Amino acid sequence: MGERQVAAKPVHCSFFVLIRWDTSFYVGHGVLHPYRERS
């Protein structure tokens, strides 16, 4: 069971990072795009 937890940890981390990157990309694009159009 211990080995399984250690093996699943990096997968969970990369999955969390992927979601964060995807979210920040969506938020950044949604905020910057209208802002650039206005300027």
PDB file of N, CA and C in Angstrom:
ATOM      1  N   MET A   1       0.843  -1.205   0.000  1.00  0.00           N
ATOM      2  CA  MET A   1       0.000   0.000   0.000  1.00  0.00           C
ATOM      3  C   MET A   1       0.880   1.258   0.000  1.00  0.00           C
ATOM      4  N   GLY A   2       1.986   1.189   0.741  1.00  0.00           N
ATOM      5  CA  GLY A   2       2.890   2.336   0.802  1.00  0.00           C
ATOM      6  C   GLY A   2       3.437   2.681  -0.568  1.00  0.00           C
ATOM      7  N   GLU A   3       3.832   1.644  -1.328  1.00  0.00           N
ATOM      8  CA  GLU A   3       4.402   1.897  -2.662  1.00  0.00           C
ATOM      9  C   GLU A   3       3.356   2.534  -3.575  1.00  0.00           C
ATOM     10  N   ARG A   4       2.134   2.086  -3.433  1.00  0.00           N
ATOM     11  CA  ARG A   4       1.075   2.604  -4.305  1.00  0.00           C
ATOM     12  C   ARG A   4       0.856   4.099  -4.035  1.00  0.00           C
ATOM     13  N   GLN A   5       0.890   4.501  -2.788  1.00  0.00           N
ATOM     14  CA  GLN A   5       0.688   5.916  -2.449  1.00  0.00           C
ATOM     15  C   GLN A   5       1.794   6.779  -3.052  1.00  0.00           C
ATOM     16  N   VAL A   6       3.035   6.306  -2.953  1.00  0.00           N
ATOM     17  CA  VAL A   6       4.178   7.071  -3.464  1.00  0.00           C
ATOM     18  C   VAL A   6       4.078   7.203  -4.977  1.00  0.00           C
ATOM     19  N   ALA A   7       3.596   6.147  -5.631  1.00  0.00           N
ATOM     20  CA  ALA A   7       3.504   6.161  -7.096  1.00  0.00           C
ATOM     21  C   ALA A   7       2.353   7.066  -7.547  1.00  0.00           C
ATOM     22  N   ALA A   8       1.328   7.175  -6.738  1.00  0.00           N
ATOM     23  CA  ALA A   8       0.161   7.971  -7.120  1.00  0.00           C
ATOM     24  C   ALA A   8       0.377   9.456  -6.810  1.00  0.00           C
ATOM     25  N   LYS A   9       1.322   9.742  -5.915  1.00  0.00           N
ATOM     26  CA  LYS A   9       1.540  11.141  -5.524  1.00  0.00           C
ATOM     27  C   LYS A   9       1.982  12.018  -6.699  1.00  0.00           C
ATOM     28  N   PRO A  10       3.020  11.641  -7.452  1.00  0.00           N
ATOM     29  CA  PRO A  10       3.456  12.473  -8.582  1.00  0.00           C
ATOM     30  C   PRO A  10       2.351  12.643  -9.630  1.00  0.00           C
ATOM     31  N   VAL A  11       1.559  11.616  -9.827  1.00  0.00           N
ATOM     32  CA  VAL A  11       0.477  11.701 -10.818  1.00  0.00           C
ATOM     33  C   VAL A  11      -0.541  12.746 -10.369  1.00  0.00           C
ATOM     34  N   HIS A  12      -0.845  12.741  -9.079  1.00  0.00           N
ATOM     35  CA  HIS A  12      -1.810  13.696  -8.541  1.00  0.00           C
ATOM     36  C   HIS A  12      -1.240  15.111  -8.646  1.00  0.00           C
ATOM     37  N   CYS A  13       0.058  15.250  -8.379  1.00  0.00           N
ATOM     38  CA  CYS A  13       0.711  16.563  -8.423  1.00  0.00           C
ATOM     39  C   CYS A  13       0.675  17.127  -9.838  1.00  0.00           C
ATOM     40  N   SER A  14       1.087  16.315 -10.809  1.00  0.00           N
ATOM     41  CA  SER A  14       1.122  16.789 -12.197  1.00  0.00           C
ATOM     42  C   SER A  14      -0.298  17.092 -12.681  1.00  0.00           C
ATOM     43  N   PHE A  15      -1.261  16.311 -12.204  1.00  0.00           N
ATOM     44  CA  PHE A  15      -2.654  16.541 -12.596  1.00  0.00           C
ATOM     45  C   PHE A  15      -3.133  17.879 -12.038  1.00  0.00           C
ATOM     46  N   PHE A  16      -2.725  18.165 -10.792  1.00  0.00           N
ATOM     47  CA  PHE A  16      -3.113  19.422 -10.141  1.00  0.00           C
ATOM     48  C   PHE A  16      -2.460  20.599 -10.858  1.00  0.00           C
ATOM     49  N   VAL A  17      -1.200  20.426 -11.241  1.00  0.00           N
ATOM     50  CA  VAL A  17      -0.471  21.491 -11.944  1.00  0.00           C
ATOM     51  C   VAL A  17      -1.098  21.727 -13.313  1.00  0.00           C
ATOM     52  N   LEU A  18      -1.498  20.643 -13.965  1.00  0.00           N
ATOM     53  CA  LEU A  18      -2.097  20.759 -15.296  1.00  0.00           C
ATOM     54  C   LEU A  18      -3.401  21.549 -15.208  1.00  0.00           C
ATOM     55  N   ILE A  19      -4.194  21.263 -14.189  1.00  0.00           N
ATOM     56  CA  ILE A  19      -5.468  21.965 -14.015  1.00  0.00           C
ATOM     57  C   ILE A  19      -5.194  23.438 -13.705  1.00  0.00           C
ATOM     58  N   ARG A  20      -4.185  23.690 -12.872  1.00  0.00           N
ATOM     59  CA  ARG A  20      -3.860  25.073 -12.519  1.00  0.00           C
ATOM     60  C   ARG A  20      -3.398  25.838 -13.756  1.00  0.00           C
ATOM     61  N   TRP A  21      -2.574  25.187 -14.587  1.00  0.00           N
ATOM     62  CA  TRP A  21      -2.062  25.861 -15.790  1.00  0.00           C
ATOM     63  C   TRP A  21      -3.221  26.136 -16.746  1.00  0.00           C
ATOM     64  N   ASP A  22      -4.108  25.154 -16.891  1.00  0.00           N
ATOM     65  CA  ASP A  22      -5.247  25.308 -17.798  1.00  0.00           C
ATOM     66  C   ASP A  22      -6.165  26.432 -17.304  1.00  0.00           C
ATOM     67  N   THR A  23      -6.362  26.476 -15.992  1.00  0.00           N
ATOM     68  CA  THR A  23      -7.242  27.498 -15.423  1.00  0.00           C
ATOM     69  C   THR A  23      -6.627  28.878 -15.566  1.00  0.00           C
ATOM     70  N   SER A  24      -5.328  28.989 -15.244  1.00  0.00           N
ATOM     71  CA  SER A  24      -4.662  30.288 -15.333  1.00  0.00           C
ATOM     72  C   SER A  24      -4.606  30.751 -16.785  1.00  0.00           C
ATOM     73  N   PHE A  25      -4.498  29.801 -17.718  1.00  0.00           N
ATOM     74  CA  PHE A  25      -4.454  30.164 -19.137  1.00  0.00           C
ATOM     75  C   PHE A  25      -5.812  30.726 -19.562  1.00  0.00           C
ATOM     76  N   TYR A  26      -6.871  30.061 -19.115  1.00  0.00           N
ATOM     77  CA  TYR A  26      -8.222  30.515 -19.462  1.00  0.00           C
ATOM     78  C   TYR A  26      -8.504  31.884 -18.847  1.00  0.00           C
ATOM     79  N   VAL A  27      -8.128  32.029 -17.578  1.00  0.00           N
ATOM     80  CA  VAL A  27      -8.369  33.299 -16.878  1.00  0.00           C
ATOM     81  C   VAL A  27      -7.525  34.406 -17.498  1.00  0.00           C
ATOM     82  N   GLY A  28      -6.242  34.115 -17.748  1.00  0.00           N
ATOM     83  CA  GLY A  28      -5.347  35.115 -18.330  1.00  0.00           C
ATOM     84  C   GLY A  28      -5.826  35.540 -19.707  1.00  0.00           C
ATOM     85  N   HIS A  29      -6.251  34.594 -20.520  1.00  0.00           N
ATOM     86  CA  HIS A  29      -6.711  34.907 -21.872  1.00  0.00           C
ATOM     87  C   HIS A  29      -8.030  35.682 -21.810  1.00  0.00           C
ATOM     88  N   GLY A  30      -8.914  35.252 -20.929  1.00  0.00           N
ATOM     89  CA  GLY A  30     -10.214  35.917 -20.813  1.00  0.00           C
ATOM     90  C   GLY A  30     -10.089  37.338 -20.288  1.00  0.00           C
ATOM     91  N   VAL A  31      -9.044  37.592 -19.485  1.00  0.00           N
ATOM     92  CA  VAL A  31      -8.864  38.928 -18.910  1.00  0.00           C
ATOM     93  C   VAL A  31      -8.052  39.813 -19.847  1.00  0.00           C
ATOM     94  N   LEU A  32      -7.004  39.241 -20.443  1.00  0.00           N
ATOM     95  CA  LEU A  32      -6.110  40.042 -21.285  1.00  0.00           C
ATOM     96  C   LEU A  32      -6.732  40.344 -22.641  1.00  0.00           C
ATOM     97  N   HIS A  33      -7.469  39.397 -23.196  1.00  0.00           N
ATOM     98  CA  HIS A  33      -8.016  39.592 -24.542  1.00  0.00           C
ATOM     99  C   HIS A  33      -8.964  40.803 -24.601  1.00  0.00           C
ATOM    100  N   PRO A  34      -9.974  40.871 -23.747  1.00  0.00           N
ATOM    101  CA  PRO A  34     -10.881  42.035 -23.785  1.00  0.00           C
ATOM    102  C   PRO A  34     -10.134  43.322 -23.458  1.00  0.00           C
ATOM    103  N   TYR A  35      -9.132  43.220 -22.590  1.00  0.00           N
ATOM    104  CA  TYR A  35      -8.364  44.409 -22.192  1.00  0.00           C
ATOM    105  C   TYR A  35      -7.588  44.951 -23.392  1.00  0.00           C
ATOM    106  N   ARG A  36      -7.021  44.042 -24.185  1.00  0.00           N
ATOM    107  CA  ARG A  36      -6.254  44.459 -25.366  1.00  0.00           C
ATOM    108  C   ARG A  36      -7.196  45.028 -26.434  1.00  0.00           C
ATOM    109  N   GLU A  37      -8.376  44.450 -26.533  1.00  0.00           N
ATOM    110  CA  GLU A  37      -9.330  44.924 -27.545  1.00  0.00           C
ATOM    111  C   GLU A  37      -9.761  46.362 -27.219  1.00  0.00           C
ATOM    112  N   ARG A  38      -9.873  46.671 -25.934  1.00  0.00           N
ATOM    113  CA  ARG A  38     -10.317  47.992 -25.499  1.00  0.00           C
ATOM    114  C   ARG A  38      -9.250  49.046 -25.792  1.00  0.00           C
ATOM    115  N   SER A  39      -8.008  48.708 -25.539  1.00  0.00           N
ATOM    116  CA  SER A  39      -6.914  49.682 -25.702  1.00  0.00           C
ATOM    117  C   SER A  39      -6.855  50.193 -27.138  1.00  0.00           C
TER     118      SER A  39
END
